[in-house]
């Protein structure tokens, strides 16, 4: 499986042909994408209601797509395996990792907590906080992607296929964002560039840090 560390440069949007799009911004180990495709394994998921209201009941369809971003390089091997497993099922799930999101392209410094208790929780403490001041953490420099530019180029410009069933919901984009406080720079840029709006598609945002 190819690890993606930069912006796609293909002529067509990467989500071309996707009627329904889930954007998992700050994916960690990809559980929210699993909530989408493997809903039966997570009946208590807080996202079950959101996905059931917005996406078709059968989400193992070629027009249901998921894209994730994760800055922590420690999660790349697992995300690669998950992406490959979904590909074998015929599902389009693609992770950009290790890649952070921002309001412009560049690089960002992140810090690992480097403590056993945090590693057991899939490094929830991994963030831009300078953990080294506490005597334990270490730094990682990660490529940053302009999320608004990517959404405008690869989501809003995509070819949206017709409904497969008469009772299919309308085309939709759902975004979950959990980026340790960086929402305060990323969200204004999404609004300013129109990435949160589209005449043809609904966009729904759920954030864990606002």
N, C-alpha and C. Protein backbone atom coordinates (compact mmCIF):
# COMPACT_ATOMS: atom_id res chain seq x y z
N UNK A 1 0.85 -1.19 0.00
CA UNK A 1 0.00 0.00 0.00
C UNK A 1 0.89 1.24 0.00
N UNK A 2 0.49 2.21 -0.76
CA UNK A 2 1.29 3.43 -0.88
C UNK A 2 0.99 4.38 0.26
N UNK A 3 2.03 4.82 0.93
CA UNK A 3 1.88 5.83 1.97
C UNK A 3 1.90 7.19 1.31
N UNK A 4 0.88 8.00 1.56
CA UNK A 4 0.77 9.31 0.92
C UNK A 4 1.24 10.37 1.88
N UNK A 5 2.20 11.18 1.45
CA UNK A 5 2.73 12.23 2.31
C UNK A 5 2.60 13.60 1.68
N UNK A 6 1.82 13.74 0.64
CA UNK A 6 1.66 15.04 0.01
C UNK A 6 0.31 15.16 -0.63
N UNK A 7 0.06 16.30 -1.27
CA UNK A 7 -1.21 16.58 -1.92
C UNK A 7 -1.28 15.82 -3.24
N UNK A 8 -2.44 15.23 -3.51
CA UNK A 8 -2.62 14.54 -4.77
C UNK A 8 -2.53 15.52 -5.94
N UNK A 9 -1.92 15.09 -7.03
CA UNK A 9 -1.75 15.96 -8.19
C UNK A 9 -2.45 15.41 -9.42
N UNK A 10 -3.33 14.41 -9.24
CA UNK A 10 -4.01 13.83 -10.38
C UNK A 10 -4.97 14.84 -10.99
N UNK A 11 -5.28 14.65 -12.27
CA UNK A 11 -6.13 15.60 -12.98
C UNK A 11 -7.55 15.60 -12.43
N UNK A 12 -8.08 14.43 -12.08
CA UNK A 12 -9.43 14.32 -11.55
C UNK A 12 -9.40 14.34 -10.03
N UNK A 13 -10.44 14.86 -9.39
CA UNK A 13 -10.51 14.80 -7.93
C UNK A 13 -10.41 13.36 -7.44
N UNK A 14 -9.71 13.14 -6.36
CA UNK A 14 -9.53 11.79 -5.83
C UNK A 14 -10.87 11.18 -5.40
N UNK A 15 -11.86 12.03 -5.09
CA UNK A 15 -13.16 11.53 -4.68
C UNK A 15 -14.17 11.50 -5.83
N UNK A 16 -13.69 11.57 -7.06
CA UNK A 16 -14.58 11.51 -8.20
C UNK A 16 -15.39 10.22 -8.16
N UNK A 17 -16.71 10.33 -8.32
CA UNK A 17 -17.57 9.16 -8.27
C UNK A 17 -18.10 8.83 -6.89
N UNK A 18 -17.73 9.62 -5.90
CA UNK A 18 -18.21 9.41 -4.53
C UNK A 18 -19.45 10.28 -4.28
N UNK A 19 -20.57 9.65 -4.06
CA UNK A 19 -21.79 10.39 -3.72
C UNK A 19 -21.76 10.84 -2.26
N UNK A 20 -21.16 9.99 -1.42
CA UNK A 20 -21.08 10.26 0.01
C UNK A 20 -19.62 10.25 0.44
N UNK A 21 -19.21 11.29 1.18
CA UNK A 21 -17.81 11.45 1.57
C UNK A 21 -17.72 11.69 3.07
N UNK A 22 -16.85 10.92 3.72
CA UNK A 22 -16.54 11.13 5.13
C UNK A 22 -15.09 11.57 5.24
N UNK A 23 -14.85 12.71 5.89
CA UNK A 23 -13.51 13.24 6.09
C UNK A 23 -13.16 13.10 7.57
N UNK A 24 -12.18 12.25 7.87
CA UNK A 24 -11.76 11.98 9.24
C UNK A 24 -10.48 12.76 9.52
N UNK A 25 -10.63 13.96 10.03
CA UNK A 25 -9.52 14.88 10.20
C UNK A 25 -8.98 14.76 11.63
N UNK A 26 -7.82 14.14 11.73
CA UNK A 26 -7.27 13.76 13.03
C UNK A 26 -7.74 12.35 13.32
N UNK A 27 -7.27 11.40 12.51
CA UNK A 27 -7.84 10.06 12.47
C UNK A 27 -7.36 9.14 13.58
N UNK A 28 -6.18 9.44 14.17
CA UNK A 28 -5.58 8.55 15.15
C UNK A 28 -5.43 7.15 14.53
N UNK A 29 -6.09 6.13 15.04
CA UNK A 29 -5.97 4.78 14.47
C UNK A 29 -7.15 4.43 13.56
N UNK A 30 -7.89 5.44 13.13
CA UNK A 30 -8.92 5.21 12.11
C UNK A 30 -10.24 4.65 12.62
N UNK A 31 -10.52 4.77 13.90
CA UNK A 31 -11.74 4.17 14.43
C UNK A 31 -13.01 4.76 13.83
N UNK A 32 -13.02 6.06 13.54
CA UNK A 32 -14.24 6.66 13.01
C UNK A 32 -14.55 6.16 11.59
N UNK A 33 -13.51 5.84 10.83
CA UNK A 33 -13.75 5.23 9.53
C UNK A 33 -14.28 3.81 9.72
N UNK A 34 -13.83 3.13 10.75
CA UNK A 34 -14.37 1.81 11.07
C UNK A 34 -15.84 1.91 11.49
N UNK A 35 -16.20 3.00 12.21
CA UNK A 35 -17.60 3.20 12.56
C UNK A 35 -18.46 3.30 11.30
N UNK A 36 -17.88 3.85 10.24
CA UNK A 36 -18.60 4.01 8.97
C UNK A 36 -18.79 2.67 8.28
N UNK A 37 -17.70 1.94 8.06
CA UNK A 37 -17.74 0.72 7.25
C UNK A 37 -18.05 -0.54 8.06
N UNK A 38 -17.73 -0.54 9.34
CA UNK A 38 -17.93 -1.73 10.17
C UNK A 38 -18.90 -1.42 11.31
N UNK A 39 -20.00 -0.80 10.97
CA UNK A 39 -20.94 -0.31 11.99
C UNK A 39 -21.44 -1.40 12.91
N UNK A 40 -21.57 -2.62 12.39
CA UNK A 40 -22.09 -3.71 13.20
C UNK A 40 -21.18 -4.07 14.36
N UNK A 41 -19.89 -3.71 14.26
CA UNK A 41 -18.94 -4.00 15.33
C UNK A 41 -18.94 -2.91 16.41
N UNK A 42 -19.56 -1.77 16.11
CA UNK A 42 -19.54 -0.64 17.04
C UNK A 42 -20.96 -0.09 17.22
N UNK A 43 -21.87 -0.90 17.74
CA UNK A 43 -23.27 -0.45 17.85
C UNK A 43 -23.47 0.75 18.77
N UNK A 44 -22.53 0.96 19.70
CA UNK A 44 -22.66 2.08 20.62
C UNK A 44 -21.94 3.34 20.18
N UNK A 45 -21.46 3.37 18.95
CA UNK A 45 -20.71 4.54 18.46
C UNK A 45 -21.57 5.80 18.47
N UNK A 46 -20.96 6.90 18.90
CA UNK A 46 -21.67 8.18 18.90
C UNK A 46 -21.94 8.68 17.49
N UNK A 47 -21.26 8.09 16.50
CA UNK A 47 -21.45 8.51 15.12
C UNK A 47 -22.48 7.67 14.39
N UNK A 48 -23.03 6.64 15.03
CA UNK A 48 -24.02 5.79 14.37
C UNK A 48 -25.21 6.61 13.89
N UNK A 49 -25.71 7.49 14.72
CA UNK A 49 -26.87 8.31 14.36
C UNK A 49 -26.54 9.24 13.20
N UNK A 50 -25.36 9.85 13.23
CA UNK A 50 -24.95 10.76 12.16
C UNK A 50 -24.86 10.03 10.84
N UNK A 51 -24.17 8.89 10.83
CA UNK A 51 -24.01 8.14 9.59
C UNK A 51 -25.35 7.59 9.10
N UNK A 52 -26.20 7.13 10.00
CA UNK A 52 -27.48 6.58 9.60
C UNK A 52 -28.39 7.64 9.00
N UNK A 53 -28.29 8.87 9.50
CA UNK A 53 -29.11 9.96 8.99
C UNK A 53 -28.61 10.50 7.66
N UNK A 54 -27.30 10.39 7.42
CA UNK A 54 -26.69 11.08 6.29
C UNK A 54 -26.33 10.17 5.13
N UNK A 55 -25.92 8.94 5.42
CA UNK A 55 -25.44 8.00 4.42
C UNK A 55 -26.43 6.85 4.25
N UNK A 56 -26.32 6.11 3.16
CA UNK A 56 -27.21 4.95 2.97
C UNK A 56 -26.93 3.87 4.01
N UNK A 57 -27.92 3.01 4.23
CA UNK A 57 -27.77 1.94 5.21
C UNK A 57 -26.64 1.00 4.80
N UNK A 58 -26.59 0.64 3.52
CA UNK A 58 -25.49 -0.18 3.00
C UNK A 58 -24.34 0.73 2.62
N UNK A 59 -23.30 0.75 3.48
CA UNK A 59 -22.19 1.67 3.21
C UNK A 59 -21.01 0.97 2.54
N UNK A 60 -21.16 -0.31 2.24
CA UNK A 60 -20.13 -1.01 1.49
C UNK A 60 -20.36 -0.86 -0.01
N UNK A 61 -20.57 0.36 -0.44
CA UNK A 61 -20.86 0.67 -1.84
C UNK A 61 -19.73 1.50 -2.43
N UNK A 62 -19.54 1.45 -3.74
CA UNK A 62 -18.43 2.20 -4.35
C UNK A 62 -18.61 3.71 -4.30
N UNK A 63 -19.84 4.18 -4.00
CA UNK A 63 -20.05 5.63 -3.95
C UNK A 63 -19.98 6.18 -2.53
N UNK A 64 -19.57 5.34 -1.56
CA UNK A 64 -19.34 5.78 -0.18
C UNK A 64 -17.85 5.77 0.07
N UNK A 65 -17.26 6.92 0.34
CA UNK A 65 -15.80 7.06 0.40
C UNK A 65 -15.38 7.74 1.70
N UNK A 66 -14.18 7.41 2.16
CA UNK A 66 -13.64 8.00 3.38
C UNK A 66 -12.19 8.41 3.16
N UNK A 67 -11.84 9.57 3.69
CA UNK A 67 -10.47 10.07 3.61
C UNK A 67 -10.06 10.54 5.00
N UNK A 68 -8.87 10.14 5.41
CA UNK A 68 -8.41 10.50 6.74
C UNK A 68 -7.04 11.17 6.72
N UNK A 69 -6.79 11.95 7.76
CA UNK A 69 -5.49 12.61 7.96
C UNK A 69 -5.01 12.31 9.36
N UNK A 70 -3.76 11.86 9.46
CA UNK A 70 -3.17 11.58 10.76
C UNK A 70 -1.70 11.99 10.75
N UNK A 71 -1.34 12.85 11.71
CA UNK A 71 0.02 13.37 11.76
C UNK A 71 1.01 12.43 12.42
N UNK A 72 0.54 11.57 13.29
CA UNK A 72 1.43 10.72 14.09
C UNK A 72 1.97 9.56 13.26
N UNK A 73 3.26 9.54 13.04
CA UNK A 73 3.87 8.49 12.22
C UNK A 73 3.76 7.11 12.88
N UNK A 74 3.56 7.06 14.20
CA UNK A 74 3.44 5.78 14.89
C UNK A 74 2.22 5.00 14.42
N UNK A 75 1.21 5.70 13.88
CA UNK A 75 -0.02 5.03 13.45
C UNK A 75 -0.01 4.63 11.98
N UNK A 76 1.02 5.00 11.25
CA UNK A 76 1.04 4.74 9.81
C UNK A 76 0.97 3.24 9.47
N UNK A 77 1.74 2.37 10.12
CA UNK A 77 1.66 0.94 9.76
C UNK A 77 0.24 0.39 9.91
N UNK A 78 -0.43 0.73 11.01
CA UNK A 78 -1.79 0.22 11.21
C UNK A 78 -2.75 0.79 10.17
N UNK A 79 -2.66 2.10 9.89
CA UNK A 79 -3.55 2.71 8.90
C UNK A 79 -3.31 2.12 7.51
N UNK A 80 -2.07 1.81 7.20
CA UNK A 80 -1.77 1.17 5.91
C UNK A 80 -2.45 -0.19 5.82
N UNK A 81 -2.38 -0.97 6.90
CA UNK A 81 -3.02 -2.29 6.90
C UNK A 81 -4.54 -2.16 6.78
N UNK A 82 -5.10 -1.19 7.47
CA UNK A 82 -6.55 -0.98 7.41
C UNK A 82 -6.98 -0.55 6.01
N UNK A 83 -6.21 0.33 5.41
CA UNK A 83 -6.53 0.79 4.05
C UNK A 83 -6.48 -0.37 3.06
N UNK A 84 -5.48 -1.22 3.20
CA UNK A 84 -5.35 -2.36 2.30
C UNK A 84 -6.50 -3.35 2.50
N UNK A 85 -6.89 -3.58 3.75
CA UNK A 85 -8.01 -4.49 4.02
C UNK A 85 -9.30 -3.97 3.42
N UNK A 86 -9.51 -2.65 3.49
CA UNK A 86 -10.72 -2.06 2.92
C UNK A 86 -10.69 -2.12 1.40
N UNK A 87 -9.52 -1.93 0.85
CA UNK A 87 -9.38 -2.02 -0.61
C UNK A 87 -9.79 -3.40 -1.10
N UNK A 88 -9.41 -4.42 -0.37
CA UNK A 88 -9.76 -5.79 -0.75
C UNK A 88 -11.26 -6.03 -0.67
N UNK A 89 -11.95 -5.23 0.15
CA UNK A 89 -13.40 -5.31 0.23
C UNK A 89 -14.10 -4.47 -0.85
N UNK A 90 -13.30 -3.69 -1.60
CA UNK A 90 -13.87 -2.81 -2.61
C UNK A 90 -14.31 -1.47 -2.06
N UNK A 91 -13.83 -1.11 -0.87
CA UNK A 91 -14.20 0.16 -0.25
C UNK A 91 -13.10 1.18 -0.47
N UNK A 92 -13.48 2.42 -0.77
CA UNK A 92 -12.51 3.49 -0.98
C UNK A 92 -12.28 4.23 0.34
N UNK A 93 -11.22 3.85 1.03
CA UNK A 93 -10.78 4.53 2.24
C UNK A 93 -9.31 4.87 2.04
N UNK A 94 -8.96 6.13 2.20
CA UNK A 94 -7.59 6.57 1.91
C UNK A 94 -7.11 7.48 3.03
N UNK A 95 -5.93 7.17 3.57
CA UNK A 95 -5.35 8.00 4.62
C UNK A 95 -4.13 8.75 4.10
N UNK A 96 -4.04 10.00 4.49
CA UNK A 96 -2.84 10.81 4.31
C UNK A 96 -2.09 10.76 5.64
N UNK A 97 -0.94 10.08 5.65
CA UNK A 97 -0.23 9.89 6.91
C UNK A 97 1.23 9.57 6.65
N UNK A 98 2.17 10.16 7.40
CA UNK A 98 1.91 11.15 8.44
C UNK A 98 1.77 12.55 7.85
N UNK A 99 0.58 13.09 7.90
CA UNK A 99 0.28 14.41 7.36
C UNK A 99 -0.66 15.13 8.32
N UNK A 100 -0.32 16.37 8.67
CA UNK A 100 -1.19 17.21 9.48
C UNK A 100 -2.03 18.09 8.56
N UNK A 101 -3.10 18.64 9.09
CA UNK A 101 -3.87 19.62 8.34
C UNK A 101 -3.61 21.00 8.93
N UNK A 102 -3.72 22.02 8.07
CA UNK A 102 -3.45 23.38 8.50
C UNK A 102 -4.18 24.34 7.56
N UNK A 103 -3.94 25.64 7.76
CA UNK A 103 -4.54 26.64 6.88
C UNK A 103 -3.61 26.99 5.72
N UNK A 104 -2.47 26.30 5.62
CA UNK A 104 -1.56 26.47 4.50
C UNK A 104 -0.61 25.28 4.47
N UNK A 105 -0.04 25.02 3.31
CA UNK A 105 0.93 23.93 3.19
C UNK A 105 2.22 24.32 3.91
N UNK A 106 2.93 23.33 4.43
CA UNK A 106 4.19 23.61 5.12
C UNK A 106 4.57 22.44 5.99
N UNK A 107 5.13 22.73 7.15
CA UNK A 107 5.48 21.70 8.13
C UNK A 107 5.05 22.18 9.52
N UNK A 108 4.82 21.22 10.41
CA UNK A 108 4.42 21.52 11.79
C UNK A 108 5.21 20.62 12.73
N UNK A 109 5.62 21.16 13.87
CA UNK A 109 6.31 20.38 14.89
C UNK A 109 5.28 19.77 15.84
N UNK A 110 5.37 18.46 16.02
CA UNK A 110 4.52 17.76 16.98
C UNK A 110 5.41 17.10 18.03
N UNK A 111 4.79 16.78 19.16
CA UNK A 111 5.54 16.18 20.26
C UNK A 111 4.86 14.91 20.73
N UNK A 112 5.65 13.85 20.86
CA UNK A 112 5.20 12.61 21.49
C UNK A 112 5.35 12.75 23.00
N UNK A 113 4.36 12.27 23.75
CA UNK A 113 4.46 12.30 25.21
C UNK A 113 5.53 11.32 25.67
N UNK A 114 5.63 10.17 24.99
CA UNK A 114 6.65 9.15 25.28
C UNK A 114 6.51 8.58 26.68
N UNK A 115 5.26 8.35 27.09
CA UNK A 115 5.01 7.68 28.36
C UNK A 115 4.15 6.45 28.12
N UNK A 116 4.38 5.40 28.90
CA UNK A 116 3.66 4.14 28.71
C UNK A 116 2.15 4.32 28.78
N UNK A 117 1.67 5.13 29.71
CA UNK A 117 0.22 5.31 29.87
C UNK A 117 -0.39 5.96 28.63
N UNK A 118 0.34 6.88 28.00
CA UNK A 118 -0.19 7.53 26.80
C UNK A 118 -0.14 6.59 25.60
N UNK A 119 0.91 5.80 25.49
CA UNK A 119 1.02 4.86 24.38
C UNK A 119 -0.10 3.82 24.43
N UNK A 120 -0.51 3.43 25.64
CA UNK A 120 -1.59 2.46 25.78
C UNK A 120 -2.93 3.03 25.32
N UNK A 121 -3.02 4.36 25.23
CA UNK A 121 -4.24 5.02 24.74
C UNK A 121 -4.05 5.53 23.32
N UNK A 122 -3.17 4.88 22.56
CA UNK A 122 -2.89 5.26 21.16
C UNK A 122 -2.38 6.68 21.04
N UNK A 123 -1.59 7.10 22.02
CA UNK A 123 -0.94 8.41 22.02
C UNK A 123 -1.94 9.55 21.85
N UNK A 124 -2.94 9.57 22.72
CA UNK A 124 -3.89 10.68 22.70
C UNK A 124 -3.21 12.02 22.96
N UNK A 125 -2.08 12.00 23.67
CA UNK A 125 -1.41 13.24 24.01
C UNK A 125 -0.54 13.81 22.91
N UNK A 126 -0.41 13.09 21.79
CA UNK A 126 0.41 13.57 20.67
C UNK A 126 -0.16 14.88 20.15
N UNK A 127 0.61 15.95 20.21
CA UNK A 127 0.09 17.27 19.82
C UNK A 127 1.24 18.24 19.62
N UNK A 128 0.89 19.50 19.40
CA UNK A 128 1.91 20.54 19.22
C UNK A 128 2.42 21.06 20.56
N UNK A 129 1.89 20.54 21.66
CA UNK A 129 2.38 20.93 22.98
C UNK A 129 3.81 20.44 23.17
N UNK A 130 4.63 21.30 23.77
CA UNK A 130 6.06 21.01 23.92
C UNK A 130 6.27 20.10 25.13
N UNK A 131 6.02 18.79 24.94
CA UNK A 131 6.13 17.85 26.05
C UNK A 131 7.56 17.73 26.58
N UNK A 132 8.54 18.10 25.79
CA UNK A 132 9.93 17.95 26.23
C UNK A 132 10.21 18.79 27.48
N UNK A 133 9.40 19.83 27.69
CA UNK A 133 9.56 20.65 28.88
C UNK A 133 9.28 19.85 30.14
N UNK A 134 8.54 18.74 29.99
CA UNK A 134 8.24 17.88 31.14
C UNK A 134 9.29 16.77 31.29
N UNK A 135 10.26 16.75 30.38
CA UNK A 135 11.36 15.82 30.50
C UNK A 135 11.16 14.47 29.86
N UNK A 136 10.08 14.28 29.09
CA UNK A 136 9.82 12.95 28.56
C UNK A 136 9.65 12.92 27.04
N UNK A 137 9.05 13.93 26.48
CA UNK A 137 8.64 13.86 25.07
C UNK A 137 9.77 14.06 24.07
N UNK A 138 9.44 13.77 22.80
CA UNK A 138 10.38 14.04 21.72
C UNK A 138 9.63 14.57 20.51
N UNK A 139 10.36 15.32 19.68
CA UNK A 139 9.76 16.09 18.59
C UNK A 139 9.70 15.29 17.30
N UNK A 140 8.68 15.60 16.48
CA UNK A 140 8.55 15.05 15.14
C UNK A 140 8.07 16.17 14.22
N UNK A 141 8.75 16.38 13.11
CA UNK A 141 8.35 17.40 12.14
C UNK A 141 7.53 16.73 11.04
N UNK A 142 6.31 17.22 10.83
CA UNK A 142 5.34 16.58 9.95
C UNK A 142 4.92 17.55 8.84
N UNK A 143 4.72 17.01 7.66
CA UNK A 143 4.22 17.83 6.56
C UNK A 143 2.79 18.26 6.85
N UNK A 144 2.47 19.51 6.55
CA UNK A 144 1.13 20.05 6.75
C UNK A 144 0.46 20.28 5.40
N UNK A 145 -0.81 19.94 5.31
CA UNK A 145 -1.59 20.11 4.08
C UNK A 145 -2.67 21.17 4.31
N UNK A 146 -2.83 22.05 3.34
CA UNK A 146 -3.90 23.04 3.37
C UNK A 146 -5.23 22.30 3.15
N UNK A 147 -5.97 22.08 4.23
CA UNK A 147 -7.18 21.27 4.15
C UNK A 147 -8.25 21.91 3.27
N UNK A 148 -8.42 23.21 3.38
CA UNK A 148 -9.44 23.90 2.59
C UNK A 148 -9.16 23.75 1.10
N UNK A 149 -7.91 23.92 0.71
CA UNK A 149 -7.56 23.80 -0.70
C UNK A 149 -7.83 22.38 -1.20
N UNK A 150 -7.51 21.37 -0.37
CA UNK A 150 -7.74 19.99 -0.78
C UNK A 150 -9.23 19.71 -0.93
N UNK A 151 -10.04 20.17 0.01
CA UNK A 151 -11.48 19.93 -0.07
C UNK A 151 -12.07 20.59 -1.31
N UNK A 152 -11.68 21.82 -1.58
CA UNK A 152 -12.22 22.51 -2.76
C UNK A 152 -11.80 21.82 -4.05
N UNK A 153 -10.59 21.27 -4.07
CA UNK A 153 -10.10 20.63 -5.29
C UNK A 153 -10.60 19.21 -5.45
N UNK A 154 -10.74 18.47 -4.36
CA UNK A 154 -10.99 17.03 -4.45
C UNK A 154 -12.35 16.57 -3.96
N UNK A 155 -13.09 17.44 -3.31
CA UNK A 155 -14.43 17.08 -2.86
C UNK A 155 -15.49 17.87 -3.61
N UNK A 156 -15.40 19.17 -3.56
CA UNK A 156 -16.44 19.99 -4.19
C UNK A 156 -16.40 19.94 -5.72
N UNK A 157 -15.29 19.55 -6.30
CA UNK A 157 -15.19 19.45 -7.75
C UNK A 157 -15.41 18.02 -8.25
N UNK A 158 -15.74 17.12 -7.36
CA UNK A 158 -15.90 15.72 -7.75
C UNK A 158 -17.16 15.52 -8.60
N UNK A 159 -17.14 14.45 -9.38
CA UNK A 159 -18.34 14.03 -10.12
C UNK A 159 -19.21 13.23 -9.17
N UNK A 160 -20.43 13.69 -8.97
CA UNK A 160 -21.35 13.02 -8.04
C UNK A 160 -22.27 12.10 -8.84
N UNK A 161 -22.21 10.80 -8.60
CA UNK A 161 -23.04 9.87 -9.36
C UNK A 161 -24.51 9.94 -8.96
N UNK A 162 -25.37 9.44 -9.82
CA UNK A 162 -26.79 9.36 -9.51
C UNK A 162 -27.02 8.37 -8.38
N UNK A 163 -28.17 8.47 -7.75
CA UNK A 163 -28.53 7.55 -6.68
C UNK A 163 -28.63 6.13 -7.22
N UNK A 164 -28.23 5.17 -6.41
CA UNK A 164 -28.35 3.76 -6.77
C UNK A 164 -29.76 3.25 -6.47
N UNK A 165 -30.33 3.70 -5.36
CA UNK A 165 -31.67 3.31 -4.96
C UNK A 165 -32.57 4.55 -4.89
N UNK A 166 -33.85 4.34 -5.04
CA UNK A 166 -34.78 5.46 -5.00
C UNK A 166 -34.80 6.13 -3.64
N UNK A 167 -34.53 5.36 -2.58
CA UNK A 167 -34.58 5.93 -1.23
C UNK A 167 -33.21 6.39 -0.73
N UNK A 168 -32.23 6.50 -1.62
CA UNK A 168 -30.91 6.99 -1.22
C UNK A 168 -31.00 8.43 -0.70
N UNK A 169 -30.26 8.77 0.35
CA UNK A 169 -30.19 10.15 0.81
C UNK A 169 -29.51 11.02 -0.26
N UNK A 170 -29.67 12.33 -0.18
CA UNK A 170 -28.97 13.21 -1.12
C UNK A 170 -27.46 13.16 -0.91
N UNK A 171 -26.69 13.59 -1.89
CA UNK A 171 -25.22 13.61 -1.72
C UNK A 171 -24.84 14.39 -0.46
N UNK A 172 -23.80 13.92 0.22
CA UNK A 172 -23.44 14.56 1.49
C UNK A 172 -21.96 14.41 1.78
N UNK A 173 -21.45 15.35 2.56
CA UNK A 173 -20.08 15.31 3.07
C UNK A 173 -20.17 15.46 4.58
N UNK A 174 -19.57 14.54 5.32
CA UNK A 174 -19.50 14.63 6.78
C UNK A 174 -18.03 14.73 7.16
N UNK A 175 -17.71 15.69 8.01
CA UNK A 175 -16.34 15.86 8.47
C UNK A 175 -16.29 15.75 9.99
N UNK A 176 -15.43 14.88 10.49
CA UNK A 176 -15.11 14.84 11.91
C UNK A 176 -13.72 15.45 12.08
N UNK A 177 -13.60 16.38 13.02
CA UNK A 177 -12.32 17.07 13.21
C UNK A 177 -11.90 16.99 14.67
N UNK A 178 -10.71 16.45 14.89
CA UNK A 178 -10.14 16.35 16.24
C UNK A 178 -8.65 16.56 16.10
N UNK A 179 -8.23 17.83 16.11
CA UNK A 179 -6.83 18.16 15.81
C UNK A 179 -6.20 18.99 16.93
N UNK A 180 -6.58 18.66 18.16
CA UNK A 180 -5.90 19.17 19.36
C UNK A 180 -5.80 20.69 19.40
N UNK A 181 -6.88 21.38 19.10
CA UNK A 181 -6.90 22.83 19.21
C UNK A 181 -6.55 23.57 17.94
N UNK A 182 -6.03 22.87 16.93
CA UNK A 182 -5.70 23.55 15.67
C UNK A 182 -6.96 23.93 14.89
N UNK A 183 -8.12 23.49 15.38
CA UNK A 183 -9.38 23.89 14.75
C UNK A 183 -9.49 25.41 14.63
N UNK A 184 -8.90 26.13 15.57
CA UNK A 184 -9.06 27.57 15.60
C UNK A 184 -8.33 28.29 14.47
N UNK A 185 -7.41 27.62 13.81
CA UNK A 185 -6.80 28.20 12.61
C UNK A 185 -7.34 27.55 11.34
N UNK A 186 -7.71 26.27 11.42
CA UNK A 186 -8.17 25.55 10.23
C UNK A 186 -9.60 25.92 9.87
N UNK A 187 -10.50 25.99 10.86
CA UNK A 187 -11.91 26.26 10.57
C UNK A 187 -12.15 27.62 9.92
N UNK A 188 -11.55 28.71 10.38
CA UNK A 188 -11.76 29.99 9.70
C UNK A 188 -11.35 29.95 8.22
N UNK A 189 -10.28 29.21 7.92
CA UNK A 189 -9.84 29.09 6.53
C UNK A 189 -10.84 28.28 5.71
N UNK A 190 -11.44 27.25 6.32
CA UNK A 190 -12.46 26.48 5.62
C UNK A 190 -13.65 27.37 5.26
N UNK A 191 -14.02 28.26 6.16
CA UNK A 191 -15.14 29.15 5.91
C UNK A 191 -14.78 30.23 4.88
N UNK A 192 -13.59 30.80 5.02
CA UNK A 192 -13.17 31.90 4.14
C UNK A 192 -13.02 31.46 2.70
N UNK A 193 -12.62 30.21 2.49
CA UNK A 193 -12.38 29.71 1.13
C UNK A 193 -13.60 29.01 0.53
N UNK A 194 -14.69 28.89 1.30
CA UNK A 194 -15.88 28.23 0.80
C UNK A 194 -15.84 26.72 0.91
N UNK A 195 -14.80 26.18 1.56
CA UNK A 195 -14.69 24.72 1.65
C UNK A 195 -15.80 24.11 2.51
N UNK A 196 -16.39 24.90 3.40
CA UNK A 196 -17.48 24.40 4.23
C UNK A 196 -18.84 24.56 3.56
N UNK A 197 -18.86 25.13 2.37
CA UNK A 197 -20.13 25.41 1.70
C UNK A 197 -20.09 24.89 0.27
N UNK A 198 -21.25 24.50 -0.24
CA UNK A 198 -21.38 24.10 -1.63
C UNK A 198 -22.85 24.12 -2.01
N UNK A 199 -23.15 24.61 -3.20
CA UNK A 199 -24.54 24.65 -3.65
C UNK A 199 -25.07 23.27 -3.93
N UNK A 200 -24.19 22.29 -4.25
CA UNK A 200 -24.63 20.98 -4.70
C UNK A 200 -24.64 19.93 -3.61
N UNK A 201 -23.92 20.16 -2.52
CA UNK A 201 -23.74 19.10 -1.54
C UNK A 201 -23.84 19.68 -0.13
N UNK A 202 -24.38 18.91 0.78
CA UNK A 202 -24.43 19.33 2.17
C UNK A 202 -23.14 18.95 2.86
N UNK A 203 -22.67 19.80 3.78
CA UNK A 203 -21.45 19.52 4.54
C UNK A 203 -21.78 19.61 6.01
N UNK A 204 -21.44 18.58 6.76
CA UNK A 204 -21.73 18.54 8.20
C UNK A 204 -20.42 18.37 8.94
N UNK A 205 -20.19 19.22 9.95
CA UNK A 205 -18.94 19.18 10.72
C UNK A 205 -19.21 18.78 12.16
N UNK A 206 -18.41 17.88 12.67
CA UNK A 206 -18.45 17.52 14.09
C UNK A 206 -17.03 17.63 14.64
N UNK A 207 -16.83 18.50 15.62
CA UNK A 207 -15.50 18.72 16.17
C UNK A 207 -15.46 18.37 17.64
N UNK A 208 -14.33 17.82 18.08
CA UNK A 208 -14.18 17.40 19.47
C UNK A 208 -13.52 18.45 20.36
N UNK A 209 -13.07 19.56 19.77
CA UNK A 209 -12.29 20.52 20.57
C UNK A 209 -12.81 21.95 20.41
N UNK A 210 -14.12 22.11 20.22
CA UNK A 210 -14.69 23.44 20.12
C UNK A 210 -15.77 23.60 21.18
